[in-house]
N, C-alpha and C. Protein backbone atom coordinates (compact mmCIF):
# COMPACT_ATOMS: atom_id res chain seq x y z
N MET A 1 -7.01 11.40 -21.18
CA MET A 1 -5.98 10.40 -20.81
C MET A 1 -4.68 11.00 -21.54
N PRO A 2 -3.46 11.33 -20.94
CA PRO A 2 -2.38 11.92 -21.90
C PRO A 2 -1.70 10.72 -22.43
N PHE A 3 -1.79 9.65 -22.18
CA PHE A 3 -0.92 8.46 -22.85
C PHE A 3 -1.83 7.71 -23.63
N ARG A 4 -1.16 7.41 -24.87
CA ARG A 4 -1.66 6.47 -25.95
C ARG A 4 -1.04 5.29 -26.06
N GLU A 5 -1.37 4.11 -25.79
CA GLU A 5 -0.68 2.94 -26.03
C GLU A 5 -0.35 2.47 -27.43
N ILE A 6 0.89 2.67 -28.00
CA ILE A 6 1.32 2.34 -29.25
C ILE A 6 1.45 0.85 -29.21
N ASN A 7 2.08 0.12 -28.37
CA ASN A 7 1.94 -1.29 -28.44
C ASN A 7 2.25 -1.62 -26.97
N SER A 8 2.67 -2.93 -26.51
CA SER A 8 2.64 -3.27 -25.31
C SER A 8 3.92 -2.82 -24.43
N LYS A 9 4.74 -2.09 -25.19
CA LYS A 9 6.00 -1.68 -24.55
C LYS A 9 6.34 -0.08 -24.94
N MET A 10 5.44 0.60 -25.58
CA MET A 10 5.71 1.95 -26.00
C MET A 10 4.24 2.63 -25.60
N VAL A 11 4.46 3.84 -25.29
CA VAL A 11 3.26 4.86 -25.19
C VAL A 11 3.67 6.12 -25.61
N GLU A 12 2.67 6.90 -26.09
CA GLU A 12 2.74 8.09 -26.72
C GLU A 12 1.96 9.22 -25.84
N ALA A 13 2.69 10.41 -25.62
CA ALA A 13 1.98 11.44 -24.92
C ALA A 13 1.71 12.62 -25.67
N THR A 14 0.78 13.28 -25.63
CA THR A 14 0.34 14.53 -26.41
C THR A 14 0.51 15.73 -25.50
N LEU A 15 1.41 16.65 -25.71
CA LEU A 15 1.74 17.80 -24.69
C LEU A 15 1.19 19.16 -25.40
N ALA A 16 0.65 19.91 -24.72
CA ALA A 16 0.17 21.24 -25.23
C ALA A 16 0.89 22.35 -24.27
N PRO A 17 1.05 23.47 -24.76
CA PRO A 17 1.37 24.45 -23.89
C PRO A 17 0.76 24.76 -22.52
N GLY A 18 1.63 24.77 -21.55
CA GLY A 18 1.00 24.90 -20.13
C GLY A 18 0.78 23.67 -19.36
N HIS A 19 1.03 22.41 -20.26
CA HIS A 19 0.91 21.27 -19.70
C HIS A 19 2.13 20.49 -19.63
N LYS A 20 2.30 19.76 -18.53
CA LYS A 20 3.83 19.01 -18.63
C LYS A 20 3.60 17.54 -17.99
N LEU A 21 4.47 16.78 -18.05
CA LEU A 21 4.59 15.30 -17.56
C LEU A 21 5.89 15.29 -16.77
N PHE A 22 5.92 14.35 -15.91
CA PHE A 22 7.07 13.72 -15.24
C PHE A 22 7.37 12.47 -15.85
N SER A 23 8.52 12.13 -16.14
CA SER A 23 8.96 10.65 -16.70
C SER A 23 10.45 10.38 -16.08
N GLN A 24 10.63 9.04 -16.16
CA GLN A 24 11.81 8.58 -15.71
C GLN A 24 12.91 8.99 -16.52
N ARG A 25 14.08 9.37 -16.11
CA ARG A 25 15.23 9.97 -17.11
C ARG A 25 15.67 8.67 -17.98
N GLY A 26 15.72 8.97 -19.31
CA GLY A 26 16.18 8.02 -20.24
C GLY A 26 15.10 7.33 -20.84
N ALA A 27 13.81 7.70 -20.40
CA ALA A 27 12.63 6.77 -21.01
C ALA A 27 12.16 7.51 -22.39
N MET A 28 12.55 8.69 -22.71
CA MET A 28 12.18 9.16 -24.02
C MET A 28 12.79 8.29 -25.33
N LEU A 29 11.91 7.92 -26.05
CA LEU A 29 12.32 7.22 -27.36
C LEU A 29 12.53 8.04 -28.50
N ALA A 30 11.58 8.99 -28.59
CA ALA A 30 11.36 9.82 -29.83
C ALA A 30 10.37 10.95 -29.44
N TYR A 31 10.43 11.92 -30.22
CA TYR A 31 9.43 13.04 -30.13
C TYR A 31 9.25 14.06 -31.41
N ARG A 32 8.16 14.77 -31.41
CA ARG A 32 7.90 15.47 -32.55
C ARG A 32 7.42 16.88 -31.85
N GLY A 33 7.77 18.12 -32.53
CA GLY A 33 7.35 19.24 -32.07
C GLY A 33 8.44 20.02 -31.12
N GLU A 34 8.11 21.04 -30.62
CA GLU A 34 8.87 21.92 -29.62
C GLU A 34 8.65 21.42 -28.30
N VAL A 35 9.46 20.41 -27.78
CA VAL A 35 9.43 19.80 -26.60
C VAL A 35 10.82 19.98 -25.77
N SER A 36 10.73 20.17 -24.41
CA SER A 36 11.87 20.51 -23.51
C SER A 36 11.88 19.29 -22.53
N PHE A 37 13.10 18.75 -22.15
CA PHE A 37 13.37 17.97 -21.23
C PHE A 37 14.31 18.32 -20.15
N THR A 38 13.86 18.51 -18.97
CA THR A 38 14.68 19.21 -17.74
C THR A 38 14.69 18.25 -16.76
N PRO A 39 16.03 17.97 -16.16
CA PRO A 39 16.17 17.12 -14.90
C PRO A 39 15.37 17.83 -13.88
N ASN A 40 14.65 17.01 -13.17
CA ASN A 40 13.68 17.52 -12.08
C ASN A 40 14.54 17.29 -10.65
N ILE A 41 14.68 18.55 -10.12
CA ILE A 41 15.38 18.50 -8.74
C ILE A 41 14.40 18.55 -7.53
N GLN A 42 13.20 18.85 -7.89
CA GLN A 42 12.30 19.01 -6.86
C GLN A 42 11.29 17.91 -6.61
N GLY A 43 11.72 16.53 -7.13
CA GLY A 43 10.91 15.41 -6.74
C GLY A 43 9.46 15.39 -7.31
N GLY A 44 9.23 15.97 -8.37
CA GLY A 44 7.89 15.84 -9.11
C GLY A 44 6.95 16.89 -8.47
N GLN A 45 5.63 16.43 -8.43
CA GLN A 45 4.50 17.47 -7.96
C GLN A 45 4.48 17.50 -6.63
N GLY A 46 5.20 16.76 -5.76
CA GLY A 46 5.18 16.98 -4.37
C GLY A 46 6.31 17.83 -3.80
N GLY A 47 6.95 18.50 -4.70
CA GLY A 47 7.99 19.56 -4.09
C GLY A 47 9.08 18.93 -3.53
N VAL A 48 9.90 19.89 -2.66
CA VAL A 48 11.21 19.52 -1.94
C VAL A 48 10.78 18.79 -0.89
N ALA A 49 9.79 18.93 -0.08
CA ALA A 49 9.57 18.07 1.11
C ALA A 49 9.25 16.50 0.55
N SER A 50 8.57 16.32 -0.58
CA SER A 50 8.53 15.00 -0.94
C SER A 50 9.60 14.48 -1.54
N MET A 51 10.59 15.16 -2.11
CA MET A 51 11.84 14.67 -2.68
C MET A 51 12.77 14.10 -1.43
N ILE A 52 12.85 15.03 -0.36
CA ILE A 52 13.58 14.69 0.90
C ILE A 52 13.13 13.40 1.45
N GLY A 53 11.80 13.24 1.64
CA GLY A 53 11.23 12.08 2.24
C GLY A 53 11.60 10.75 1.39
N ARG A 54 11.50 10.96 -0.06
CA ARG A 54 11.70 9.68 -0.80
C ARG A 54 13.25 9.49 -0.86
N ARG A 55 14.09 10.52 -0.82
CA ARG A 55 15.52 10.21 -0.62
C ARG A 55 15.88 9.64 0.80
N VAL A 56 15.33 9.88 1.76
CA VAL A 56 15.66 9.45 3.12
C VAL A 56 15.21 8.01 2.92
N ALA A 57 13.99 7.61 2.35
CA ALA A 57 13.53 6.20 2.27
C ALA A 57 14.14 5.30 1.37
N GLY A 58 14.96 6.03 0.28
CA GLY A 58 15.74 5.29 -0.47
C GLY A 58 14.83 4.99 -1.65
N GLU A 59 13.68 5.71 -1.92
CA GLU A 59 12.59 5.59 -2.69
C GLU A 59 12.50 6.62 -3.95
N ALA A 60 13.75 7.26 -4.21
CA ALA A 60 13.65 8.16 -5.26
C ALA A 60 14.21 7.68 -6.59
N ALA A 61 13.48 7.91 -7.80
CA ALA A 61 14.14 7.63 -8.84
C ALA A 61 14.23 8.95 -9.76
N PRO A 62 15.23 8.96 -10.55
CA PRO A 62 15.64 10.10 -11.29
C PRO A 62 14.49 10.46 -12.26
N LEU A 63 14.10 11.72 -11.97
CA LEU A 63 12.81 12.02 -13.08
C LEU A 63 13.35 13.18 -13.86
N MET A 64 12.63 13.55 -14.96
CA MET A 64 12.69 14.76 -15.78
C MET A 64 11.45 15.32 -16.04
N THR A 65 11.25 16.48 -16.18
CA THR A 65 10.13 17.18 -16.56
C THR A 65 10.06 17.42 -18.01
N VAL A 66 8.87 17.16 -18.63
CA VAL A 66 8.56 17.25 -20.02
C VAL A 66 7.55 18.14 -20.25
N GLU A 67 7.90 19.06 -21.00
CA GLU A 67 6.95 20.20 -21.44
C GLU A 67 6.99 20.71 -22.77
N GLY A 68 6.03 21.48 -23.31
CA GLY A 68 6.16 22.18 -24.72
C GLY A 68 4.64 21.79 -25.44
N SER A 69 4.94 21.60 -26.65
CA SER A 69 3.97 21.35 -27.64
C SER A 69 4.44 20.30 -28.66
N GLY A 70 3.77 19.20 -28.61
CA GLY A 70 4.24 17.98 -29.57
C GLY A 70 3.67 16.76 -28.95
N THR A 71 4.40 15.63 -29.55
CA THR A 71 4.23 14.29 -29.14
C THR A 71 5.44 13.63 -28.60
N VAL A 72 5.42 12.93 -27.66
CA VAL A 72 6.51 12.18 -27.00
C VAL A 72 6.22 10.83 -26.92
N MET A 73 7.12 9.88 -27.39
CA MET A 73 7.04 8.36 -27.11
C MET A 73 7.98 8.04 -26.17
N PHE A 74 7.58 7.24 -25.03
CA PHE A 74 8.13 6.68 -23.93
C PHE A 74 8.28 5.18 -23.74
N GLY A 75 9.36 4.59 -23.46
CA GLY A 75 9.31 3.09 -23.17
C GLY A 75 10.87 3.08 -22.54
N HIS A 76 11.10 1.91 -21.87
CA HIS A 76 12.31 1.69 -21.09
C HIS A 76 12.46 0.30 -20.85
N GLY A 77 13.85 -0.19 -21.41
CA GLY A 77 14.23 -1.61 -21.22
C GLY A 77 13.48 -2.55 -21.79
N GLY A 78 12.59 -2.39 -22.65
CA GLY A 78 11.76 -3.16 -23.28
C GLY A 78 10.66 -3.86 -22.34
N HIS A 79 10.45 -3.22 -21.24
CA HIS A 79 9.42 -3.69 -20.30
C HIS A 79 7.96 -3.31 -20.76
N HIS A 80 6.96 -4.25 -20.42
CA HIS A 80 5.85 -3.90 -20.70
C HIS A 80 5.32 -2.76 -20.03
N ILE A 81 4.31 -1.98 -20.67
CA ILE A 81 3.72 -0.81 -20.00
C ILE A 81 2.36 -1.03 -19.78
N GLN A 82 1.81 -0.57 -18.59
CA GLN A 82 0.46 -0.46 -18.13
C GLN A 82 0.11 0.86 -17.85
N VAL A 83 -1.03 1.50 -18.49
CA VAL A 83 -1.42 2.78 -18.16
C VAL A 83 -2.58 2.62 -17.11
N ILE A 84 -2.42 3.37 -16.16
CA ILE A 84 -3.53 3.36 -15.01
C ILE A 84 -4.12 4.81 -14.85
N GLU A 85 -5.40 4.97 -14.92
CA GLU A 85 -6.13 6.13 -14.77
C GLU A 85 -6.70 6.30 -13.35
N LEU A 86 -6.21 7.35 -12.66
CA LEU A 86 -6.71 7.55 -11.28
C LEU A 86 -7.81 8.63 -11.30
N ALA A 87 -8.88 8.48 -10.62
CA ALA A 87 -10.03 9.36 -10.45
C ALA A 87 -10.07 9.84 -8.98
N GLY A 88 -9.10 10.43 -8.56
CA GLY A 88 -9.08 11.08 -7.07
C GLY A 88 -8.42 10.01 -6.20
N ASP A 89 -8.19 8.87 -6.46
CA ASP A 89 -7.74 7.92 -5.30
C ASP A 89 -6.06 7.91 -5.53
N THR A 90 -5.50 6.97 -4.57
CA THR A 90 -4.03 6.89 -4.63
C THR A 90 -3.63 5.75 -5.24
N LEU A 91 -2.45 5.79 -5.99
CA LEU A 91 -1.77 4.61 -6.52
C LEU A 91 -0.47 4.42 -5.64
N TYR A 92 -0.33 3.24 -5.24
CA TYR A 92 0.83 2.77 -4.58
C TYR A 92 1.80 1.95 -5.45
N VAL A 93 3.02 2.48 -5.64
CA VAL A 93 3.88 1.75 -6.81
C VAL A 93 5.36 1.92 -6.49
N GLU A 94 6.12 0.97 -6.74
CA GLU A 94 7.74 1.20 -6.52
C GLU A 94 8.09 2.26 -7.53
N ALA A 95 9.07 3.19 -7.02
CA ALA A 95 9.64 4.07 -7.78
C ALA A 95 10.30 3.79 -9.16
N ASP A 96 10.89 2.63 -9.12
CA ASP A 96 11.70 2.25 -10.46
C ASP A 96 10.72 1.61 -11.27
N ARG A 97 9.37 1.59 -11.06
CA ARG A 97 8.37 1.10 -12.01
C ARG A 97 7.62 2.14 -12.77
N LEU A 98 7.77 3.38 -12.24
CA LEU A 98 7.17 4.58 -12.76
C LEU A 98 7.95 4.83 -14.07
N LEU A 99 7.20 4.87 -15.25
CA LEU A 99 7.65 5.44 -16.45
C LEU A 99 7.39 6.92 -16.70
N ALA A 100 6.29 7.20 -16.45
CA ALA A 100 5.79 8.65 -16.71
C ALA A 100 4.39 8.78 -15.99
N PHE A 101 4.04 10.16 -15.51
CA PHE A 101 2.83 10.43 -15.00
C PHE A 101 2.58 11.85 -15.15
N ASP A 102 1.27 12.15 -15.21
CA ASP A 102 0.74 13.41 -15.39
C ASP A 102 1.04 14.36 -14.28
N GLU A 103 1.22 15.71 -14.62
CA GLU A 103 1.53 16.80 -13.52
C GLU A 103 0.35 16.99 -12.59
N THR A 104 -0.70 16.51 -12.89
CA THR A 104 -1.88 16.71 -12.04
C THR A 104 -1.82 15.81 -10.77
N LEU A 105 -1.00 14.81 -10.75
CA LEU A 105 -0.91 13.92 -9.67
C LEU A 105 0.28 14.40 -8.68
N ARG A 106 -0.24 14.28 -7.30
CA ARG A 106 0.77 14.58 -6.38
C ARG A 106 1.40 13.46 -5.72
N GLN A 107 2.79 13.57 -5.82
CA GLN A 107 3.76 12.34 -5.49
C GLN A 107 4.24 12.56 -3.94
N GLY A 108 4.33 11.38 -3.56
CA GLY A 108 4.65 11.40 -2.14
C GLY A 108 5.37 10.04 -1.61
N THR A 109 5.49 9.70 -0.44
CA THR A 109 6.18 8.27 -0.09
C THR A 109 5.25 7.71 1.25
N MET A 110 5.17 6.63 1.18
CA MET A 110 4.29 5.90 2.45
C MET A 110 5.42 4.84 2.96
N PHE A 111 5.52 4.66 4.26
CA PHE A 111 6.17 3.59 4.98
C PHE A 111 5.35 2.35 4.97
N MET A 112 5.82 1.29 4.39
CA MET A 112 4.85 0.11 4.09
C MET A 112 4.56 -0.63 5.56
N GLY A 113 5.39 -0.27 6.61
CA GLY A 113 5.07 -0.93 7.71
C GLY A 113 3.86 -0.48 8.44
N SER A 114 3.36 0.89 7.94
CA SER A 114 2.15 1.36 8.55
C SER A 114 0.89 0.60 7.99
N GLN A 115 1.05 -0.36 7.00
CA GLN A 115 -0.02 -0.96 6.63
C GLN A 115 0.37 -2.62 7.01
N GLY A 116 -0.18 -3.02 7.85
CA GLY A 116 0.18 -4.42 8.35
C GLY A 116 1.25 -4.47 9.45
N GLY A 117 1.68 -3.45 10.12
CA GLY A 117 2.73 -3.51 11.03
C GLY A 117 3.91 -4.17 10.86
N VAL A 118 4.25 -4.95 11.48
CA VAL A 118 5.70 -5.69 11.42
C VAL A 118 5.75 -6.44 10.04
N MET A 119 4.59 -7.02 9.60
CA MET A 119 4.52 -7.85 8.52
C MET A 119 4.65 -7.01 7.27
N GLY A 120 4.09 -5.78 7.43
CA GLY A 120 4.48 -4.73 6.33
C GLY A 120 5.83 -4.46 6.19
N MET A 121 6.59 -4.42 7.26
CA MET A 121 7.99 -4.28 7.17
C MET A 121 8.72 -5.52 6.49
N VAL A 122 8.22 -6.78 6.98
CA VAL A 122 8.84 -8.00 6.42
C VAL A 122 8.64 -7.87 5.02
N ARG A 123 7.51 -7.48 4.29
CA ARG A 123 7.10 -7.43 2.92
C ARG A 123 8.26 -6.87 2.19
N GLY A 124 8.69 -5.78 2.61
CA GLY A 124 9.94 -4.90 2.08
C GLY A 124 11.03 -5.80 1.91
N GLN A 125 11.25 -6.37 3.09
CA GLN A 125 12.54 -7.34 2.96
C GLN A 125 12.47 -8.63 1.97
N VAL A 126 11.24 -9.10 1.97
CA VAL A 126 10.91 -10.31 1.18
C VAL A 126 11.09 -9.84 -0.41
N THR A 127 10.29 -8.86 -0.73
CA THR A 127 10.27 -8.29 -2.21
C THR A 127 11.64 -7.62 -2.46
N GLY A 128 12.34 -7.30 -1.59
CA GLY A 128 13.59 -6.47 -2.11
C GLY A 128 13.44 -5.09 -2.68
N GLN A 129 12.19 -4.58 -2.26
CA GLN A 129 11.83 -3.42 -2.82
C GLN A 129 11.82 -2.10 -1.78
N GLY A 130 12.32 -2.75 -0.64
CA GLY A 130 12.51 -1.59 0.47
C GLY A 130 11.15 -1.39 1.46
N LEU A 131 11.37 -0.59 2.31
CA LEU A 131 10.23 -0.42 3.26
C LEU A 131 9.19 0.57 2.92
N PHE A 132 9.65 1.43 1.91
CA PHE A 132 8.83 2.42 1.51
C PHE A 132 8.37 2.45 0.14
N THR A 133 7.17 2.90 -0.21
CA THR A 133 6.65 3.02 -1.54
C THR A 133 6.39 4.28 -2.09
N THR A 134 6.38 4.64 -3.38
CA THR A 134 5.82 5.78 -3.86
C THR A 134 4.31 5.92 -3.92
N THR A 135 3.84 6.99 -3.65
CA THR A 135 2.38 7.32 -3.91
C THR A 135 2.12 8.34 -4.89
N LEU A 136 1.06 8.27 -5.69
CA LEU A 136 0.61 9.37 -6.77
C LEU A 136 -0.83 9.40 -6.28
N THR A 137 -1.32 10.54 -5.97
CA THR A 137 -2.69 10.89 -5.64
C THR A 137 -3.33 11.97 -6.54
N GLY A 138 -4.66 11.76 -6.90
CA GLY A 138 -5.26 12.72 -7.71
C GLY A 138 -6.17 12.35 -8.94
N HIS A 139 -6.44 13.02 -9.69
CA HIS A 139 -6.86 12.85 -11.21
C HIS A 139 -5.92 12.78 -12.29
N GLY A 140 -5.64 11.76 -12.94
CA GLY A 140 -4.73 11.83 -14.11
C GLY A 140 -4.21 10.34 -14.22
N ALA A 141 -3.33 10.20 -15.08
CA ALA A 141 -2.79 8.91 -15.74
C ALA A 141 -1.29 8.58 -15.31
N VAL A 142 -1.06 7.43 -15.16
CA VAL A 142 0.36 6.86 -14.68
C VAL A 142 0.61 5.80 -15.80
N ALA A 143 1.81 5.73 -16.29
CA ALA A 143 2.21 4.71 -17.01
C ALA A 143 3.40 3.95 -16.16
N VAL A 144 3.06 2.70 -15.94
CA VAL A 144 4.08 1.88 -15.03
C VAL A 144 4.63 0.63 -15.85
N MET A 145 5.79 0.28 -15.23
CA MET A 145 6.40 -0.90 -16.20
C MET A 145 6.37 -2.16 -15.37
N ALA A 146 6.37 -3.23 -16.22
CA ALA A 146 6.36 -4.54 -15.61
C ALA A 146 7.03 -5.61 -16.55
N HIS A 147 7.09 -6.92 -16.09
CA HIS A 147 7.63 -8.10 -16.97
C HIS A 147 6.47 -8.73 -17.35
N GLY A 148 6.47 -9.02 -18.69
CA GLY A 148 5.56 -10.06 -19.26
C GLY A 148 4.10 -9.62 -19.18
N GLY A 149 3.91 -8.35 -19.00
CA GLY A 149 2.25 -7.95 -19.23
C GLY A 149 1.79 -7.88 -17.81
N VAL A 150 0.64 -7.17 -17.58
CA VAL A 150 -0.02 -7.12 -16.34
C VAL A 150 -1.32 -7.27 -16.35
N ILE A 151 -2.13 -7.86 -15.42
CA ILE A 151 -3.41 -8.13 -15.41
C ILE A 151 -3.92 -7.25 -14.05
N GLU A 152 -5.30 -6.61 -14.17
CA GLU A 152 -5.83 -5.93 -13.12
C GLU A 152 -6.78 -6.68 -12.32
N LEU A 153 -6.65 -6.85 -11.20
CA LEU A 153 -7.56 -7.87 -10.32
C LEU A 153 -8.22 -6.90 -9.21
N PRO A 154 -9.74 -6.96 -9.42
CA PRO A 154 -10.50 -5.89 -8.52
C PRO A 154 -10.35 -6.52 -7.04
N ILE A 155 -10.37 -5.71 -6.16
CA ILE A 155 -10.51 -6.02 -4.79
C ILE A 155 -11.92 -5.36 -4.10
N ALA A 156 -12.71 -6.11 -3.51
CA ALA A 156 -14.03 -5.68 -3.07
C ALA A 156 -14.00 -6.26 -1.58
N PRO A 157 -14.84 -5.62 -0.64
CA PRO A 157 -15.11 -6.20 0.71
C PRO A 157 -15.65 -7.74 0.55
N GLY A 158 -14.92 -8.45 1.30
CA GLY A 158 -15.23 -10.00 1.20
C GLY A 158 -14.65 -10.68 -0.03
N ARG A 159 -13.97 -9.98 -0.75
CA ARG A 159 -13.25 -10.37 -1.88
C ARG A 159 -11.93 -10.09 -1.99
N ASP A 160 -11.03 -10.66 -0.86
CA ASP A 160 -9.71 -10.40 -0.85
C ASP A 160 -9.07 -10.96 -2.06
N VAL A 161 -7.82 -10.27 -2.27
CA VAL A 161 -6.92 -10.84 -3.35
C VAL A 161 -5.56 -11.36 -2.60
N HIS A 162 -4.95 -12.59 -2.98
CA HIS A 162 -3.82 -12.89 -2.50
C HIS A 162 -2.78 -13.05 -3.65
N VAL A 163 -1.56 -12.38 -3.38
CA VAL A 163 -0.78 -12.16 -4.70
C VAL A 163 0.64 -12.78 -4.17
N ASP A 164 1.34 -13.16 -5.11
CA ASP A 164 2.88 -13.54 -4.95
C ASP A 164 3.60 -12.21 -4.71
N PRO A 165 4.38 -11.99 -3.62
CA PRO A 165 4.86 -10.65 -3.50
C PRO A 165 5.74 -10.24 -4.69
N GLN A 166 6.52 -11.21 -5.34
CA GLN A 166 7.33 -10.97 -6.37
C GLN A 166 6.59 -10.58 -7.57
N ALA A 167 5.40 -10.89 -7.76
CA ALA A 167 4.57 -10.48 -8.86
C ALA A 167 3.73 -9.31 -8.84
N TYR A 168 3.82 -8.74 -7.45
CA TYR A 168 3.07 -7.56 -7.30
C TYR A 168 3.75 -6.16 -7.97
N VAL A 169 2.91 -5.45 -8.70
CA VAL A 169 3.22 -4.30 -9.30
C VAL A 169 2.87 -2.94 -8.68
N ALA A 170 1.48 -2.85 -8.36
CA ALA A 170 0.92 -1.55 -7.70
C ALA A 170 -0.53 -2.06 -7.28
N HIS A 171 -1.12 -1.21 -6.53
CA HIS A 171 -2.50 -1.15 -6.32
C HIS A 171 -2.98 0.26 -5.89
N HIS A 172 -4.29 0.45 -5.97
CA HIS A 172 -4.92 1.84 -5.87
C HIS A 172 -6.10 1.63 -5.04
N GLY A 173 -6.85 2.56 -4.54
CA GLY A 173 -8.02 2.52 -3.84
C GLY A 173 -7.85 2.40 -2.46
N GLU A 174 -8.93 2.27 -1.55
CA GLU A 174 -8.93 2.08 -0.08
C GLU A 174 -8.64 0.55 0.12
N VAL A 175 -7.30 0.22 0.07
CA VAL A 175 -6.85 -1.05 0.19
C VAL A 175 -5.85 -1.08 1.28
N ARG A 176 -5.98 -2.24 2.23
CA ARG A 176 -4.95 -2.69 3.04
C ARG A 176 -4.38 -3.87 2.69
N ASN A 177 -2.90 -3.97 3.01
CA ASN A 177 -2.13 -5.08 2.67
C ASN A 177 -1.52 -5.76 3.95
N LYS A 178 -1.31 -7.02 3.84
CA LYS A 178 -0.42 -7.53 4.86
C LYS A 178 0.14 -8.84 4.33
N LEU A 179 1.40 -9.30 4.84
CA LEU A 179 2.00 -10.56 4.41
C LEU A 179 1.69 -11.39 5.29
N SER A 180 1.14 -12.67 4.81
CA SER A 180 0.75 -13.62 5.59
C SER A 180 1.57 -15.05 5.23
N THR A 181 1.67 -15.97 5.99
CA THR A 181 2.46 -17.09 5.62
C THR A 181 1.52 -18.28 5.31
N ALA A 182 1.96 -19.26 4.45
CA ALA A 182 1.15 -20.48 4.07
C ALA A 182 2.15 -21.60 3.81
N VAL A 183 2.52 -22.47 4.93
CA VAL A 183 3.44 -23.39 4.57
C VAL A 183 3.30 -24.15 3.46
N GLY A 184 4.30 -24.27 2.55
CA GLY A 184 4.10 -24.90 1.41
C GLY A 184 3.56 -24.31 0.21
N TRP A 185 3.04 -22.96 0.39
CA TRP A 185 2.46 -22.48 -0.59
C TRP A 185 3.30 -21.98 -1.92
N ARG A 186 4.44 -21.44 -1.59
CA ARG A 186 5.40 -21.02 -2.41
C ARG A 186 6.00 -22.33 -3.29
N ASP A 187 6.21 -23.47 -2.51
CA ASP A 187 6.72 -24.60 -3.07
C ASP A 187 5.85 -25.38 -4.07
N MET A 188 4.51 -25.23 -3.68
CA MET A 188 3.45 -26.04 -4.48
C MET A 188 2.90 -25.19 -5.64
N VAL A 189 2.67 -23.71 -5.47
CA VAL A 189 2.01 -22.97 -6.45
C VAL A 189 2.62 -21.82 -6.89
N GLY A 190 3.66 -21.48 -6.32
CA GLY A 190 4.57 -20.52 -6.69
C GLY A 190 5.94 -20.98 -7.29
N ARG A 191 6.64 -20.06 -7.87
CA ARG A 191 7.84 -20.55 -8.43
C ARG A 191 9.03 -19.66 -7.90
N GLY A 192 8.98 -19.39 -6.70
CA GLY A 192 10.02 -18.41 -6.13
C GLY A 192 11.07 -19.40 -5.48
N SER A 193 11.66 -18.74 -4.43
CA SER A 193 12.97 -19.48 -3.85
C SER A 193 12.40 -20.26 -2.60
N GLY A 194 11.08 -20.53 -2.41
CA GLY A 194 10.59 -21.37 -1.28
C GLY A 194 10.04 -20.67 -0.06
N GLU A 195 10.13 -19.31 -0.07
CA GLU A 195 9.65 -18.65 1.03
C GLU A 195 8.18 -18.70 0.88
N ALA A 196 7.38 -19.08 2.15
CA ALA A 196 5.96 -19.32 2.27
C ALA A 196 5.33 -17.92 2.61
N PHE A 197 5.31 -17.06 1.68
CA PHE A 197 4.76 -15.69 1.83
C PHE A 197 3.82 -15.50 0.82
N GLN A 198 2.68 -14.71 1.17
CA GLN A 198 1.64 -14.21 0.05
C GLN A 198 1.22 -12.85 0.55
N LEU A 199 0.96 -11.95 -0.24
CA LEU A 199 0.51 -10.75 -0.02
C LEU A 199 -1.01 -10.63 -0.14
N GLU A 200 -1.58 -10.34 1.03
CA GLU A 200 -3.03 -10.46 1.16
C GLU A 200 -3.68 -8.77 1.09
N LEU A 201 -4.54 -8.69 -0.06
CA LEU A 201 -5.08 -7.27 -0.04
C LEU A 201 -6.52 -7.27 0.12
N SER A 202 -6.96 -6.34 1.16
CA SER A 202 -8.41 -6.30 1.25
C SER A 202 -8.94 -4.72 1.19
N GLY A 203 -10.14 -4.67 1.06
CA GLY A 203 -10.70 -3.38 0.97
C GLY A 203 -11.62 -3.12 -0.32
N SER A 204 -11.27 -2.04 -0.88
CA SER A 204 -12.04 -1.66 -2.18
C SER A 204 -11.06 -1.13 -3.15
N GLY A 205 -10.74 -1.74 -4.39
CA GLY A 205 -9.90 -0.97 -5.19
C GLY A 205 -9.29 -2.13 -6.22
N ALA A 206 -8.05 -2.03 -6.66
CA ALA A 206 -7.49 -3.09 -7.56
C ALA A 206 -6.09 -3.25 -7.38
N VAL A 207 -5.66 -4.37 -7.72
CA VAL A 207 -4.26 -4.60 -7.64
C VAL A 207 -3.60 -5.06 -8.95
N TYR A 208 -2.47 -4.77 -9.49
CA TYR A 208 -1.90 -5.01 -10.63
C TYR A 208 -0.80 -6.00 -10.62
N VAL A 209 -0.94 -7.05 -11.28
CA VAL A 209 -0.10 -8.29 -11.12
C VAL A 209 0.78 -8.52 -12.45
N GLN A 210 1.96 -8.76 -12.43
CA GLN A 210 2.76 -8.97 -13.54
C GLN A 210 2.91 -10.49 -13.90
N ALA A 211 3.26 -10.87 -15.13
CA ALA A 211 3.31 -12.49 -15.30
C ALA A 211 4.76 -12.77 -15.33
N SER A 212 5.28 -12.42 -14.17
CA SER A 212 6.68 -12.80 -13.84
C SER A 212 6.95 -12.56 -12.33
N GLU A 213 8.14 -13.19 -12.08
CA GLU A 213 8.51 -12.90 -10.42
C GLU A 213 9.87 -12.20 -10.70
N GLU A 214 10.14 -11.45 -11.78
CA GLU A 214 11.35 -10.81 -11.88
C GLU A 214 11.19 -9.47 -11.57
N LYS A 215 12.26 -8.90 -10.88
CA LYS A 215 12.23 -7.40 -10.61
C LYS A 215 12.75 -6.69 -11.84
N LEU A 216 12.51 -5.41 -11.94
CA LEU A 216 12.92 -4.61 -12.96
C LEU A 216 14.45 -4.37 -12.80
């Protein structure tokens, strides 16, 4: 794993020659050694096609390439950081929540309406996070940001998980999501603006939930 958690709001990455990371611009806090930081114009590991897709989707966040030999500390805005290790599967996460990720992961975009049809599109409107989401696929580690810390909830066949859309951070695995309604749910057990929506995730994988309904 390229990231070591220093505390809940800072991670450290160790770089060796021939190895590089992608990080959100402005996320570097300090570094030791011979390390270079280059604005990334090709959209990460997915190349130009991936970059164009994310820009059309409005799902692009400014990235920089980090490479060399040394250690780099990352953090941003005092947000809590969760390190997620992928073992060949796909992580679905909003672009502005990405702090840094390994070069071994392939970046892309997915139209949320393709999971849950119309309700998938409604989810984007409700959360204010758009109709597209960023995907990272392969073997490697990702550092994502959240408010108030993160809990990982496993998803298994027959054990669906329902999440407040405003508290959703990311999910991975063979998971389908749909937005469902429950009259009075937000008023009784949520703390949002009264919309009776909940995000239902089913399949096999995990979802990451933050301890806040606040966007980054």
